[in-house]
Amino acid sequence: MQTNTPRRSTRGTRRTIRLTRRGRIALIVTGAVVAGTAVAVPLLVPDEEGDSRPTSLVIPEGWRATQVYEAVDKTLALAPGTTKKSLAKANLELPNDAEGNPEGYLFPATYPLGENPTPEKLLTAMVDTANERFNGAPVAAGAQRNALNVYQAVTIASIVQAEAATEEDMGKVARVIFNRLERGMPLQMDSTINYALRRSSLETTTEDTRIDSPYNSYQRMGLPPTPIDNPGDEAVRAAVTPTPGDWLYFVTVKPGDTRFTADYAEHQRNVAEYNRIRQSASKEPAETR
């Protein structure tokens, strides 16, 4: 969630509240902290001997490339790390800006395994699907209309995918990103910090925002160098057709209540309300949660 452009206190490692990631408040209010635990969904059918074998692999929206690699390894019963090592021989058709990194282009969808499935075949299918989606007229023209290339649009979409609580919020989150870029403000997105630290966290410390990384959108201006996950159609659509508005900040105060504003003082009041709700939830007896 977005904090501020005004200077923060630099004393200590005080926890601060920033741009919300999907489901953050719902997890806190229910007392459940689950980060990065999504699992691949293999579609199974029984074989002739009655055993179940995977026939397709479902890749969820918002997964990072590392999660996709792990899912392919598990589904194909390969040694951990096999799929990542296969990148060198997969000959994936990635944009030049990607420099061989498929992050953002492992499109979330259901992929049939077919006969003799391999990591190379599955990765190729994901990248081919991404190119089909991204290079078509709606996305390519939308990117151009916003003075972006397609790779930049996918990078914005990946942040939108990580930060928006609902599909309706995606267009507004995209607008926050555009507004901040146009004003020369840092994006200040927790999702980019989490990507740099290879984690999924509900909170980010001031110390976290000082890490030396090109993905530190608190210290670096502009977009991160690559996408930070693999966005789906809705996030990509939001990235090229952001909702009109002047918003610069947002916070999910409670489930279903994400507040966008251009006024920093109003945002601080929203953050204070979020903190009150979180603190109240943490004090509830465990049996009532």
C-alpha atoms as a PDB file:
ATOM      1  CA  MET A   1       0.000   0.000   0.000  1.00  0.00           C
ATOM      2  CA  GLN A   2       1.142   3.528  -0.647  1.00  0.00           C
ATOM      3  CA  THR A   3       2.659   5.553   2.130  1.00  0.00           C
ATOM      4  CA  ASN A   4       3.916   8.975   1.452  1.00  0.00           C
ATOM      5  CA  THR A   5       6.142  11.116  -0.592  1.00  0.00           C
ATOM      6  CA  PRO A   6       6.863  13.400   2.405  1.00  0.00           C
ATOM      7  CA  ARG A   7      10.004  12.331   4.296  1.00  0.00           C
ATOM      8  CA  ARG A   8       9.606   9.568   6.866  1.00  0.00           C
ATOM      9  CA  SER A   9      11.374   9.402  10.194  1.00  0.00           C
ATOM     10  CA  THR A  10      14.575   7.396   9.820  1.00  0.00           C
ATOM     11  CA  ARG A  11      14.840   6.273  13.434  1.00  0.00           C
ATOM     12  CA  GLY A  12      14.672   2.549  14.068  1.00  0.00           C
ATOM     13  CA  THR A  13      12.890  -0.036  11.968  1.00  0.00           C
ATOM     14  CA  ARG A  14       9.362   1.062  12.723  1.00  0.00           C
ATOM     15  CA  ARG A  15       6.778  -0.902  10.775  1.00  0.00           C
ATOM     16  CA  THR A  16       4.871   1.253   8.316  1.00  0.00           C
ATOM     17  CA  ILE A  17       1.716   0.749   6.323  1.00  0.00           C
ATOM     18  CA  ARG A  18       1.943   0.902   2.562  1.00  0.00           C
ATOM     19  CA  LEU A  19       0.151  -0.247  -0.554  1.00  0.00           C
ATOM     20  CA  THR A  20      -2.028  -3.223   0.218  1.00  0.00           C
ATOM     21  CA  ARG A  21      -1.440  -6.596  -1.384  1.00  0.00           C
ATOM     22  CA  ARG A  22      -4.372  -8.805  -2.351  1.00  0.00           C
ATOM     23  CA  GLY A  23      -6.150 -10.293   0.647  1.00  0.00           C
ATOM     24  CA  ARG A  24      -3.883  -8.647   3.221  1.00  0.00           C
ATOM     25  CA  ILE A  25      -6.623  -7.246   5.414  1.00  0.00           C
ATOM     26  CA  ALA A  26      -8.761 -10.361   5.160  1.00  0.00           C
ATOM     27  CA  LEU A  27      -5.855 -12.437   6.408  1.00  0.00           C
ATOM     28  CA  ILE A  28      -5.150 -10.098   9.312  1.00  0.00           C
ATOM     29  CA  VAL A  29      -8.762  -9.737  10.412  1.00  0.00           C
ATOM     30  CA  THR A  30      -9.266 -13.491  10.502  1.00  0.00           C
ATOM     31  CA  GLY A  31      -5.994 -13.979  12.327  1.00  0.00           C
ATOM     32  CA  ALA A  32      -4.543 -16.092   9.541  1.00  0.00           C
ATOM     33  CA  VAL A  33      -1.219 -15.138   8.030  1.00  0.00           C
ATOM     34  CA  VAL A  34      -0.699 -17.045   4.815  1.00  0.00           C
ATOM     35  CA  ALA A  35       1.895 -15.753   2.376  1.00  0.00           C
ATOM     36  CA  GLY A  36       3.140 -17.360  -0.776  1.00  0.00           C
ATOM     37  CA  THR A  37       1.312 -20.625  -0.144  1.00  0.00           C
ATOM     38  CA  ALA A  38      -0.681 -20.934  -3.351  1.00  0.00           C
ATOM     39  CA  VAL A  39      -0.295 -24.321  -4.988  1.00  0.00           C
ATOM     40  CA  ALA A  40      -0.370 -25.488  -8.556  1.00  0.00           C
ATOM     41  CA  VAL A  41      -3.537 -27.327  -9.474  1.00  0.00           C
ATOM     42  CA  PRO A  42      -2.845 -30.416 -11.564  1.00  0.00           C
ATOM     43  CA  LEU A  43      -5.943 -31.823 -13.232  1.00  0.00           C
ATOM     44  CA  LEU A  44      -5.991 -35.573 -12.628  1.00  0.00           C
ATOM     45  CA  VAL A  45      -7.516 -38.576 -14.356  1.00  0.00           C
ATOM     46  CA  PRO A  46      -7.154 -42.237 -13.406  1.00  0.00           C
ATOM     47  CA  ASP A  47      -4.931 -44.341 -15.631  1.00  0.00           C
ATOM     48  CA  GLU A  48      -5.609 -47.953 -16.632  1.00  0.00           C
ATOM     49  CA  GLU A  49      -4.351 -49.202 -13.277  1.00  0.00           C
ATOM     50  CA  GLY A  50      -6.567 -46.817 -11.337  1.00  0.00           C
ATOM     51  CA  ASP A  51      -3.780 -44.439 -10.298  1.00  0.00           C
ATOM     52  CA  SER A  52      -4.213 -40.717 -10.755  1.00  0.00           C
ATOM     53  CA  ARG A  53      -1.909 -38.969 -13.161  1.00  0.00           C
ATOM     54  CA  PRO A  54      -1.841 -35.278 -14.060  1.00  0.00           C
ATOM     55  CA  THR A  55      -3.225 -34.295 -17.430  1.00  0.00           C
ATOM     56  CA  SER A  56      -3.081 -30.506 -17.140  1.00  0.00           C
ATOM     57  CA  LEU A  57      -1.417 -27.870 -15.003  1.00  0.00           C
ATOM     58  CA  VAL A  58      -3.213 -24.748 -13.782  1.00  0.00           C
ATOM     59  CA  ILE A  59      -0.967 -21.723 -13.215  1.00  0.00           C
ATOM     60  CA  PRO A  60      -2.713 -19.069 -11.068  1.00  0.00           C
ATOM     61  CA  GLU A  61      -2.591 -15.359 -11.790  1.00  0.00           C
ATOM     62  CA  GLY A  62       0.128 -13.515  -9.960  1.00  0.00           C
ATOM     63  CA  TRP A  63       2.575 -16.369  -9.536  1.00  0.00           C
ATOM     64  CA  ARG A  64       6.256 -15.542  -9.772  1.00  0.00           C
ATOM     65  CA  ALA A  65       8.482 -17.433 -12.185  1.00  0.00           C
ATOM     66  CA  THR A  66      10.082 -19.305  -9.286  1.00  0.00           C
ATOM     67  CA  GLN A  67       6.677 -20.664  -8.278  1.00  0.00           C
ATOM     68  CA  VAL A  68       5.986 -21.758 -11.843  1.00  0.00           C
ATOM     69  CA  TYR A  69       9.317 -23.576 -12.051  1.00  0.00           C
ATOM     70  CA  GLU A  70       8.608 -25.407  -8.797  1.00  0.00           C
ATOM     71  CA  ALA A  71       5.125 -26.361  -9.964  1.00  0.00           C
ATOM     72  CA  VAL A  72       6.408 -27.820 -13.233  1.00  0.00           C
ATOM     73  CA  ASP A  73       9.099 -29.774 -11.370  1.00  0.00           C
ATOM     74  CA  LYS A  74       6.534 -31.257  -8.998  1.00  0.00           C
ATOM     75  CA  THR A  75       3.941 -32.010 -11.659  1.00  0.00           C
ATOM     76  CA  LEU A  76       6.450 -33.755 -13.899  1.00  0.00           C
ATOM     77  CA  ALA A  77       8.145 -35.447 -10.917  1.00  0.00           C
ATOM     78  CA  LEU A  78      11.484 -33.840 -11.711  1.00  0.00           C
ATOM     79  CA  ALA A  79      14.327 -32.964  -9.379  1.00  0.00           C
ATOM     80  CA  PRO A  80      13.980 -29.482  -7.871  1.00  0.00           C
ATOM     81  CA  GLY A  81      15.627 -26.884 -10.081  1.00  0.00           C
ATOM     82  CA  THR A  82      15.235 -28.880 -13.301  1.00  0.00           C
ATOM     83  CA  THR A  83      12.742 -26.510 -14.928  1.00  0.00           C
ATOM     84  CA  LYS A  84      14.784 -23.416 -14.152  1.00  0.00           C
ATOM     85  CA  LYS A  85      17.875 -25.048 -15.630  1.00  0.00           C
ATOM     86  CA  SER A  86      15.913 -25.851 -18.785  1.00  0.00           C
ATOM     87  CA  LEU A  87      15.540 -22.155 -19.644  1.00  0.00           C
ATOM     88  CA  ALA A  88      18.846 -22.153 -21.485  1.00  0.00           C
ATOM     89  CA  LYS A  89      17.623 -24.686 -24.048  1.00  0.00           C
ATOM     90  CA  ALA A  90      13.967 -23.663 -24.211  1.00  0.00           C
ATOM     91  CA  ASN A  91      14.531 -20.921 -26.837  1.00  0.00           C
ATOM     92  CA  LEU A  92      11.671 -18.841 -25.476  1.00  0.00           C
ATOM     93  CA  GLU A  93      10.442 -15.971 -27.674  1.00  0.00           C
ATOM     94  CA  LEU A  94      10.835 -13.165 -25.168  1.00  0.00           C
ATOM     95  CA  PRO A  95      11.061  -9.426 -25.866  1.00  0.00           C
ATOM     96  CA  ASN A  96      14.567  -7.994 -26.011  1.00  0.00           C
ATOM     97  CA  ASP A  97      13.934  -5.996 -22.843  1.00  0.00           C
ATOM     98  CA  ALA A  98      13.476  -9.234 -20.905  1.00  0.00           C
ATOM     99  CA  GLU A  99      17.102 -10.244 -21.499  1.00  0.00           C
ATOM    100  CA  GLY A 100      16.131 -13.898 -21.267  1.00  0.00           C
ATOM    101  CA  ASN A 101      14.126 -13.551 -18.039  1.00  0.00           C
ATOM    102  CA  PRO A 102      10.598 -14.960 -18.587  1.00  0.00           C
ATOM    103  CA  GLU A 103       9.090 -13.230 -15.535  1.00  0.00           C
ATOM    104  CA  GLY A 104       5.786 -11.716 -16.627  1.00  0.00           C
ATOM    105  CA  TYR A 105       5.530 -13.968 -19.688  1.00  0.00           C
ATOM    106  CA  LEU A 106       4.653 -17.293 -18.041  1.00  0.00           C
ATOM    107  CA  PHE A 107       1.003 -16.634 -18.681  1.00  0.00           C
ATOM    108  CA  PRO A 108      -1.459 -17.925 -16.048  1.00  0.00           C
ATOM    109  CA  ALA A 109      -3.763 -20.489 -17.644  1.00  0.00           C
ATOM    110  CA  THR A 110      -4.508 -24.211 -17.842  1.00  0.00           C
ATOM    111  CA  TYR A 111      -1.892 -26.121 -19.823  1.00  0.00           C
ATOM    112  CA  PRO A 112      -2.481 -29.691 -21.026  1.00  0.00           C
ATOM    113  CA  LEU A 113       0.519 -31.915 -20.463  1.00  0.00           C
ATOM    114  CA  GLY A 114       0.002 -34.042 -23.573  1.00  0.00           C
ATOM    115  CA  GLU A 115       2.305 -36.909 -24.418  1.00  0.00           C
ATOM    116  CA  ASN A 116       5.869 -36.831 -23.087  1.00  0.00           C
ATOM    117  CA  PRO A 117       5.625 -33.435 -21.377  1.00  0.00           C
ATOM    118  CA  THR A 118       8.862 -31.562 -20.698  1.00  0.00           C
ATOM    119  CA  PRO A 119       9.668 -28.276 -18.942  1.00  0.00           C
ATOM    120  CA  GLU A 120      10.673 -26.794 -22.288  1.00  0.00           C
ATOM    121  CA  LYS A 121       7.293 -27.614 -23.824  1.00  0.00           C
ATOM    122  CA  LEU A 122       5.347 -26.171 -20.919  1.00  0.00           C
ATOM    123  CA  LEU A 123       7.435 -22.994 -20.674  1.00  0.00           C
ATOM    124  CA  THR A 124       7.164 -22.481 -24.420  1.00  0.00           C
ATOM    125  CA  ALA A 125       3.381 -22.857 -24.247  1.00  0.00           C
ATOM    126  CA  MET A 126       3.205 -20.253 -21.462  1.00  0.00           C
ATOM    127  CA  VAL A 127       5.376 -17.724 -23.301  1.00  0.00           C
ATOM    128  CA  ASP A 128       3.566 -18.304 -26.601  1.00  0.00           C
ATOM    129  CA  THR A 129       0.255 -17.683 -24.831  1.00  0.00           C
ATOM    130  CA  ALA A 130       1.621 -14.491 -23.297  1.00  0.00           C
ATOM    131  CA  ASN A 131       2.838 -13.223 -26.656  1.00  0.00           C
ATOM    132  CA  GLU A 132      -0.552 -13.975 -28.199  1.00  0.00           C
ATOM    133  CA  ARG A 133      -2.295 -12.015 -25.429  1.00  0.00           C
ATOM    134  CA  PHE A 134       0.168  -9.140 -25.141  1.00  0.00           C
ATOM    135  CA  ASN A 135       1.055  -8.503 -28.773  1.00  0.00           C
ATOM    136  CA  GLY A 136      -2.544  -8.327 -29.982  1.00  0.00           C
ATOM    137  CA  ALA A 137      -4.102  -5.015 -30.894  1.00  0.00           C
ATOM    138  CA  PRO A 138      -5.854  -4.204 -27.592  1.00  0.00           C
ATOM    139  CA  VAL A 139      -2.748  -4.467 -25.412  1.00  0.00           C
ATOM    140  CA  ALA A 140      -0.169  -3.252 -27.914  1.00  0.00           C
ATOM    141  CA  ALA A 141      -2.303  -0.264 -28.934  1.00  0.00           C
ATOM    142  CA  GLY A 142      -3.154   0.483 -25.310  1.00  0.00           C
ATOM    143  CA  ALA A 143       0.506   0.463 -24.367  1.00  0.00           C
ATOM    144  CA  GLN A 144       1.361   2.804 -27.226  1.00  0.00           C
ATOM    145  CA  ARG A 145      -1.495   5.100 -26.266  1.00  0.00           C
ATOM    146  CA  ASN A 146       0.076   5.424 -22.808  1.00  0.00           C
ATOM    147  CA  ALA A 147       3.583   6.020 -24.209  1.00  0.00           C
ATOM    148  CA  LEU A 148       4.727   2.545 -23.124  1.00  0.00           C
ATOM    149  CA  ASN A 149       6.144  -0.444 -24.882  1.00  0.00           C
ATOM    150  CA  VAL A 150       4.447  -3.786 -24.267  1.00  0.00           C
ATOM    151  CA  TYR A 151       7.102  -4.947 -21.806  1.00  0.00           C
ATOM    152  CA  GLN A 152       6.594  -1.836 -19.677  1.00  0.00           C
ATOM    153  CA  ALA A 153       2.839  -2.407 -19.761  1.00  0.00           C
ATOM    154  CA  VAL A 154       3.322  -5.988 -18.552  1.00  0.00           C
ATOM    155  CA  THR A 155       5.574  -4.701 -15.771  1.00  0.00           C
ATOM    156  CA  ILE A 156       2.845  -2.315 -14.622  1.00  0.00           C
ATOM    157  CA  ALA A 157       0.301  -5.136 -14.883  1.00  0.00           C
ATOM    158  CA  SER A 158       2.439  -7.325 -12.640  1.00  0.00           C
ATOM    159  CA  ILE A 159       2.401  -4.657  -9.918  1.00  0.00           C
ATOM    160  CA  VAL A 160      -1.338  -4.208 -10.356  1.00  0.00           C
ATOM    161  CA  GLN A 161      -1.798  -7.981 -10.034  1.00  0.00           C
ATOM    162  CA  ALA A 162       0.149  -8.010  -6.766  1.00  0.00           C
ATOM    163  CA  GLU A 163      -1.373  -4.884  -5.238  1.00  0.00           C
ATOM    164  CA  ALA A 164      -5.068  -4.796  -6.183  1.00  0.00           C
ATOM    165  CA  ALA A 165      -7.553  -6.330  -3.780  1.00  0.00           C
ATOM    166  CA  THR A 166     -10.261  -6.804  -6.430  1.00  0.00           C
ATOM    167  CA  GLU A 167     -10.654  -6.679 -10.191  1.00  0.00           C
ATOM    168  CA  GLU A 168     -12.498  -3.386  -9.789  1.00  0.00           C
ATOM    169  CA  ASP A 169      -9.510  -1.934  -7.926  1.00  0.00           C
ATOM    170  CA  MET A 170      -7.043  -2.916 -10.638  1.00  0.00           C
ATOM    171  CA  GLY A 171      -7.777   0.061 -12.869  1.00  0.00           C
ATOM    172  CA  LYS A 172      -7.423   2.421  -9.907  1.00  0.00           C
ATOM    173  CA  VAL A 173      -4.120   0.903  -8.808  1.00  0.00           C
ATOM    174  CA  ALA A 174      -2.868   1.264 -12.373  1.00  0.00           C
ATOM    175  CA  ARG A 175      -3.906   4.928 -12.296  1.00  0.00           C
ATOM    176  CA  VAL A 176      -1.952   5.462  -9.054  1.00  0.00           C
ATOM    177  CA  ILE A 177       1.123   4.046 -10.791  1.00  0.00           C
ATOM    178  CA  PHE A 178       0.677   6.323 -13.826  1.00  0.00           C
ATOM    179  CA  ASN A 179       0.011   9.379 -11.671  1.00  0.00           C
ATOM    180  CA  ARG A 180       3.143   8.790  -9.623  1.00  0.00           C
ATOM    181  CA  LEU A 181       5.292   8.200 -12.687  1.00  0.00           C
ATOM    182  CA  GLU A 182       3.979  11.355 -14.342  1.00  0.00           C
ATOM    183  CA  ARG A 183       4.737  13.413 -11.223  1.00  0.00           C
ATOM    184  CA  GLY A 184       8.232  12.023 -10.803  1.00  0.00           C
ATOM    185  CA  MET A 185       7.291  10.328  -7.536  1.00  0.00           C
ATOM    186  CA  PRO A 186       8.669   6.963  -6.442  1.00  0.00           C
ATOM    187  CA  LEU A 187       6.125   4.164  -6.715  1.00  0.00           C
ATOM    188  CA  GLN A 188       6.691   2.986  -3.108  1.00  0.00           C
ATOM    189  CA  MET A 189       5.132  -0.435  -3.619  1.00  0.00           C
ATOM    190  CA  ASP A 190       5.561  -3.199  -1.058  1.00  0.00           C
ATOM    191  CA  SER A 191       5.167  -5.809  -3.779  1.00  0.00           C
ATOM    192  CA  THR A 192       8.440  -4.753  -5.391  1.00  0.00           C
ATOM    193  CA  ILE A 193      10.229  -4.958  -2.032  1.00  0.00           C
ATOM    194  CA  ASN A 194       8.813  -8.444  -1.495  1.00  0.00           C
ATOM    195  CA  TYR A 195      10.044  -9.469  -4.920  1.00  0.00           C
ATOM    196  CA  ALA A 196      13.525  -8.173  -4.199  1.00  0.00           C
ATOM    197  CA  LEU A 197      13.585 -10.080  -0.900  1.00  0.00           C
ATOM    198  CA  ARG A 198      12.064 -13.217  -2.473  1.00  0.00           C
ATOM    199  CA  ARG A 199       9.225 -13.345  -0.008  1.00  0.00           C
ATOM    200  CA  SER A 200       5.543 -12.579   0.446  1.00  0.00           C
ATOM    201  CA  SER A 201       4.997 -10.479   3.541  1.00  0.00           C
ATOM    202  CA  LEU A 202       2.056  -8.683   5.075  1.00  0.00           C
ATOM    203  CA  GLU A 203       4.221  -5.865   6.374  1.00  0.00           C
ATOM    204  CA  THR A 204       7.356  -4.031   5.355  1.00  0.00           C
ATOM    205  CA  THR A 205       9.789  -2.343   7.733  1.00  0.00           C
ATOM    206  CA  THR A 206      11.608   0.913   7.200  1.00  0.00           C
ATOM    207  CA  GLU A 207      14.794  -1.130   7.065  1.00  0.00           C
ATOM    208  CA  ASP A 208      13.309  -3.171   4.217  1.00  0.00           C
ATOM    209  CA  THR A 209      12.807  -0.001   2.189  1.00  0.00           C
ATOM    210  CA  ARG A 210      16.542   0.733   2.365  1.00  0.00           C
ATOM    211  CA  ILE A 211      17.695  -2.441   0.636  1.00  0.00           C
ATOM    212  CA  ASP A 212      20.037  -2.027  -2.306  1.00  0.00           C
ATOM    213  CA  SER A 213      18.030  -3.470  -5.181  1.00  0.00           C
ATOM    214  CA  PRO A 214      16.790  -2.276  -8.577  1.00  0.00           C
ATOM    215  CA  TYR A 215      13.375  -3.510  -7.379  1.00  0.00           C
ATOM    216  CA  ASN A 216      13.339  -1.132  -4.407  1.00  0.00           C
ATOM    217  CA  SER A 217      10.644   1.269  -5.573  1.00  0.00           C
ATOM    218  CA  TYR A 218      11.156   3.361  -2.434  1.00  0.00           C
ATOM    219  CA  GLN A 219      14.739   4.215  -3.390  1.00  0.00           C
ATOM    220  CA  ARG A 220      14.595   3.919  -7.202  1.00  0.00           C
ATOM    221  CA  MET A 221      12.508   6.023  -9.524  1.00  0.00           C
ATOM    222  CA  GLY A 222      10.402   4.605 -12.341  1.00  0.00           C
ATOM    223  CA  LEU A 223       9.389   1.028 -12.992  1.00  0.00           C
ATOM    224  CA  PRO A 224      11.320  -1.996 -11.756  1.00  0.00           C
ATOM    225  CA  PRO A 225      13.586  -3.567 -14.397  1.00  0.00           C
ATOM    226  CA  THR A 226      11.288  -6.556 -14.992  1.00  0.00           C
ATOM    227  CA  PRO A 227       7.769  -7.648 -14.106  1.00  0.00           C
ATOM    228  CA  ILE A 228       7.469  -8.955 -10.538  1.00  0.00           C
ATOM    229  CA  ASP A 229       5.014 -11.765 -11.290  1.00  0.00           C
ATOM    230  CA  ASN A 230       2.954 -13.183 -14.133  1.00  0.00           C
ATOM    231  CA  PRO A 231      -0.227 -11.113 -14.515  1.00  0.00           C
ATOM    232  CA  GLY A 232      -3.525 -12.256 -15.961  1.00  0.00           C
ATOM    233  CA  ASP A 233      -5.809 -10.660 -18.529  1.00  0.00           C
ATOM    234  CA  GLU A 234      -7.605  -8.345 -16.087  1.00  0.00           C
ATOM    235  CA  ALA A 235      -4.403  -6.855 -14.708  1.00  0.00           C
ATOM    236  CA  VAL A 236      -2.985  -6.336 -18.198  1.00  0.00           C
ATOM    237  CA  ARG A 237      -6.215  -4.709 -19.313  1.00  0.00           C
ATOM    238  CA  ALA A 238      -6.053  -2.366 -16.315  1.00  0.00           C
ATOM    239  CA  ALA A 239      -2.443  -1.469 -17.101  1.00  0.00           C
ATOM    240  CA  VAL A 240      -3.325  -0.188 -20.574  1.00  0.00           C
ATOM    241  CA  THR A 241      -6.728   1.284 -19.692  1.00  0.00           C
ATOM    242  CA  PRO A 242      -6.346   2.698 -16.176  1.00  0.00           C
ATOM    243  CA  THR A 243      -9.411   4.161 -14.517  1.00  0.00           C
ATOM    244  CA  PRO A 244      -9.526   7.969 -14.766  1.00  0.00           C
ATOM    245  CA  GLY A 245      -8.666   9.647 -11.462  1.00  0.00           C
ATOM    246  CA  ASP A 246      -6.141  11.774  -9.610  1.00  0.00           C
ATOM    247  CA  TRP A 247      -5.278   9.233  -6.895  1.00  0.00           C
ATOM    248  CA  LEU A 248      -1.785   8.980  -5.467  1.00  0.00           C
ATOM    249  CA  TYR A 249      -2.397   6.765  -2.414  1.00  0.00           C
ATOM    250  CA  PHE A 250      -4.545   3.824  -1.392  1.00  0.00           C
ATOM    251  CA  VAL A 251      -5.064   1.455   1.502  1.00  0.00           C
ATOM    252  CA  THR A 252      -7.458  -1.411   2.134  1.00  0.00           C
ATOM    253  CA  VAL A 253      -8.990  -0.392   5.455  1.00  0.00           C
ATOM    254  CA  LYS A 254     -11.019  -3.594   5.744  1.00  0.00           C
ATOM    255  CA  PRO A 255     -12.182  -6.319   3.348  1.00  0.00           C
ATOM    256  CA  GLY A 256     -14.100  -4.721   0.500  1.00  0.00           C
ATOM    257  CA  ASP A 257     -13.098  -1.204   1.532  1.00  0.00           C
ATOM    258  CA  THR A 258     -10.053   0.006  -0.387  1.00  0.00           C
ATOM    259  CA  ARG A 259      -9.765   3.782  -0.300  1.00  0.00           C
ATOM    260  CA  PHE A 260      -8.022   5.803  -2.997  1.00  0.00           C
ATOM    261  CA  THR A 261      -7.157   9.444  -2.559  1.00  0.00           C
ATOM    262  CA  ALA A 262      -4.972  12.241  -3.895  1.00  0.00           C
ATOM    263  CA  ASP A 263      -4.829  13.906  -0.476  1.00  0.00           C
ATOM    264  CA  TYR A 264      -2.002  12.795   1.795  1.00  0.00           C
ATOM    265  CA  ALA A 265      -3.753  13.910   4.997  1.00  0.00           C
ATOM    266  CA  GLU A 266      -6.844  11.913   4.056  1.00  0.00           C
ATOM    267  CA  HIS A 267      -4.666   8.928   3.307  1.00  0.00           C
ATOM    268  CA  GLN A 268      -3.058   9.181   6.734  1.00  0.00           C
ATOM    269  CA  ARG A 269      -6.513   9.128   8.320  1.00  0.00           C
ATOM    270  CA  ASN A 270      -7.361   6.016   6.298  1.00  0.00           C
ATOM    271  CA  VAL A 271      -4.129   4.373   7.420  1.00  0.00           C
ATOM    272  CA  ALA A 272      -4.926   5.233  11.035  1.00  0.00           C
ATOM    273  CA  GLU A 273      -8.315   3.558  10.682  1.00  0.00           C
ATOM    274  CA  TYR A 274      -6.645   0.507   9.153  1.00  0.00           C
ATOM    275  CA  ASN A 275      -4.287   0.357  12.132  1.00  0.00           C
ATOM    276  CA  ARG A 276      -7.157   0.587  14.602  1.00  0.00           C
ATOM    277  CA  ILE A 277      -8.976  -2.287  12.903  1.00  0.00           C
ATOM    278  CA  ARG A 278      -5.820  -4.397  12.788  1.00  0.00           C
ATOM    279  CA  GLN A 279      -4.998  -3.750  16.431  1.00  0.00           C
ATOM    280  CA  SER A 280      -8.565  -4.538  17.471  1.00  0.00           C
ATOM    281  CA  ALA A 281      -8.472  -7.809  15.550  1.00  0.00           C
ATOM    282  CA  SER A 282      -5.160  -8.808  17.136  1.00  0.00           C
ATOM    283  CA  LYS A 283      -6.653  -8.365  20.619  1.00  0.00           C
ATOM    284  CA  GLU A 284      -9.639 -10.656  20.018  1.00  0.00           C
ATOM    285  CA  PRO A 285      -9.504 -13.982  21.878  1.00  0.00           C
ATOM    286  CA  ALA A 286      -8.338 -16.740  19.537  1.00  0.00           C
ATOM    287  CA  GLU A 287     -11.556 -18.752  19.985  1.00  0.00           C
ATOM    288  CA  THR A 288     -13.676 -15.899  18.611  1.00  0.00           C
ATOM    289  CA  ARG A 289     -11.702 -15.539  15.388  1.00  0.00           C
END
